[in-house]
Every structure is written in structure tokens, then in C-alpha cells.
C-alpha atoms as a PDB file:
ATOM      1  CA  MET A   1      88.289 -77.645-139.683  1.00  0.00           C
ATOM      2  CA  ASP A   2      86.216 -75.068-138.039  1.00  0.00           C
ATOM      3  CA  ASN A   3      82.743 -74.737-139.616  1.00  0.00           C
ATOM      4  CA  ASN A   4      81.946 -71.449-137.880  1.00  0.00           C
ATOM      5  CA  THR A   5      84.282 -69.342-139.975  1.00  0.00           C
ATOM      6  CA  PRO A   6      82.550 -67.003-142.410  1.00  0.00           C
ATOM      7  CA  PHE A   7      85.274 -67.454-145.081  1.00  0.00           C
ATOM      8  CA  ASN A   8      86.086 -70.562-147.113  1.00  0.00           C
ATOM      9  CA  ILE A   9      89.791 -71.382-147.844  1.00  0.00           C
ATOM     10  CA  ASP A  10      89.868 -69.563-151.116  1.00  0.00           C
ATOM     11  CA  THR A  11      88.888 -66.301-149.552  1.00  0.00           C
ATOM     12  CA  ARG A  12      91.359 -66.740-146.701  1.00  0.00           C
ATOM     13  CA  MET A  13      94.079 -67.626-149.107  1.00  0.00           C
ATOM     14  CA  GLY A  14      93.298 -64.437-151.151  1.00  0.00           C
ATOM     15  CA  ILE A  15      93.235 -62.244-148.076  1.00  0.00           C
ATOM     16  CA  TRP A  16      96.799 -63.705-146.826  1.00  0.00           C
ATOM     17  CA  SER A  17      98.327 -63.608-150.140  1.00  0.00           C
ATOM     18  CA  GLY A  18      97.174 -60.111-151.014  1.00  0.00           C
ATOM     19  CA  THR A  19      98.307 -58.873-147.578  1.00  0.00           C
ATOM     20  CA  ALA A  20     101.728 -60.442-148.211  1.00  0.00           C
ATOM     21  CA  LEU A  21     101.979 -58.884-151.793  1.00  0.00           C
ATOM     22  CA  VAL A  22     101.245 -55.400-150.387  1.00  0.00           C
ATOM     23  CA  VAL A  23     103.659 -55.806-147.423  1.00  0.00           C
ATOM     24  CA  LEU A  24     106.375 -56.986-149.912  1.00  0.00           C
ATOM     25  CA  ALA A  25     105.746 -54.182-152.339  1.00  0.00           C
ATOM     26  CA  THR A  26     106.121 -51.448-149.669  1.00  0.00           C
ATOM     27  CA  ILE A  27     109.304 -52.750-148.217  1.00  0.00           C
ATOM     28  CA  THR A  28     112.349 -50.990-149.765  1.00  0.00           C
ATOM     29  CA  PRO A  29     115.910 -52.530-150.035  1.00  0.00           C
ATOM     30  CA  GLY A  30     116.988 -49.596-147.756  1.00  0.00           C
ATOM     31  CA  GLU A  31     114.411 -50.643-145.012  1.00  0.00           C
ATOM     32  CA  LEU A  32     115.645 -54.204-145.332  1.00  0.00           C
ATOM     33  CA  LEU A  33     119.435 -53.257-144.888  1.00  0.00           C
ATOM     34  CA  LYS A  34     118.457 -50.965-142.051  1.00  0.00           C
ATOM     35  CA  THR A  35     116.448 -53.816-140.288  1.00  0.00           C
ATOM     36  CA  GLY A  36     119.286 -56.275-140.860  1.00  0.00           C
ATOM     37  CA  ILE A  37     121.756 -53.738-139.342  1.00  0.00           C
ATOM     38  CA  LEU A  38     119.566 -53.060-136.297  1.00  0.00           C
ATOM     39  CA  ALA A  39     119.120 -56.932-135.743  1.00  0.00           C
ATOM     40  CA  ALA A  40     122.803 -57.380-135.908  1.00  0.00           C
ATOM     41  CA  VAL A  41     123.458 -54.622-133.462  1.00  0.00           C
ATOM     42  CA  GLY A  42     120.761 -56.033-131.102  1.00  0.00           C
ATOM     43  CA  ALA A  43     122.248 -59.506-131.169  1.00  0.00           C
ATOM     44  CA  ILE A  44     125.658 -58.175-130.534  1.00  0.00           C
ATOM     45  CA  VAL A  45     124.505 -56.009-127.610  1.00  0.00           C
ATOM     46  CA  SER A  46     122.496 -58.931-126.157  1.00  0.00           C
ATOM     47  CA  PHE A  47     125.454 -61.233-126.315  1.00  0.00           C
ATOM     48  CA  VAL A  48     127.834 -58.689-124.633  1.00  0.00           C
ATOM     49  CA  VAL A  49     125.388 -57.898-121.931  1.00  0.00           C
ATOM     50  CA  SER A  50     124.772 -61.569-121.287  1.00  0.00           C
ATOM     51  CA  TRP A  51     128.495 -62.294-121.213  1.00  0.00           C
ATOM     52  CA  LEU A  52     129.253 -59.351-118.919  1.00  0.00           C
ATOM     53  CA  LEU A  53     126.565 -60.478-116.464  1.00  0.00           C
ATOM     54  CA  LYS A  54     127.873 -64.008-116.567  1.00  0.00           C
ATOM     55  CA  GLN A  55     131.425 -62.686-115.689  1.00  0.00           C
ATOM     56  CA  GLY A  56     129.999 -60.697-112.832  1.00  0.00           C
ATOM     57  CA  VAL A  57     128.364 -63.603-111.338  1.00  0.00           C
ATOM     58  CA  LEU A  58     131.402 -65.729-111.647  1.00  0.00           C
ATOM     59  CA  ARG A  59     133.435 -63.037-109.901  1.00  0.00           C
ATOM     60  CA  TYR A  60     130.954 -62.651-107.283  1.00  0.00           C
ATOM     61  CA  LYS A  61     130.861 -66.380-106.551  1.00  0.00           C
ATOM     62  CA  ARG A  62     134.621 -66.577-106.460  1.00  0.00           C
ATOM     63  CA  HIS A  63     134.833 -63.557-104.119  1.00  0.00           C
ATOM     64  CA  ARG A  64     132.330 -65.306-101.804  1.00  0.00           C
ATOM     65  CA  GLN A  65     134.211 -68.471-101.686  1.00  0.00           C
ATOM     66  CA  LYS A  66     137.543 -66.802-100.807  1.00  0.00           C
ATOM     67  CA  GLY A  67     135.840 -64.855 -97.955  1.00  0.00           C
ATOM     68  CA  ALA A  68     133.963 -68.044 -96.594  1.00  0.00           C
END
């Protein structure tokens, strides 16, 4: 444990729990839904782009092997 910290464990726990409660109180269900939808869209886009890049690399490799 670091003895140079100006706060004891009770103070740190109070700060973290108070911060967590304030954050939880300000998040609305609509924001959670919007965040979930954006995360899903981001994951789908990431998957599709990765798959397309992989297909492009495979086609490029097959094309090079035929020409060699």
C-alpha cells in the first residue's frame, strides 16, 4: 500500500462510490438504448470491414498465384 497518498481507504471509497452514484443517476434509459444501438452498429461495421479486407487479400493472393 502506498503511504504517500493523502486519502485513506474510507475517503477513496467515498469518492468512488459518490462518483458512481452521480453517473448512474444522470444516465437515462434512452441514453443506454442509444449507446447499445451504436455499439451494435459499430461491431457490425467492424466485422463487415474486416471480412471484406480478408476477402480482398485472399483474392489478391489467388490472383498473384495464377499469374506466377
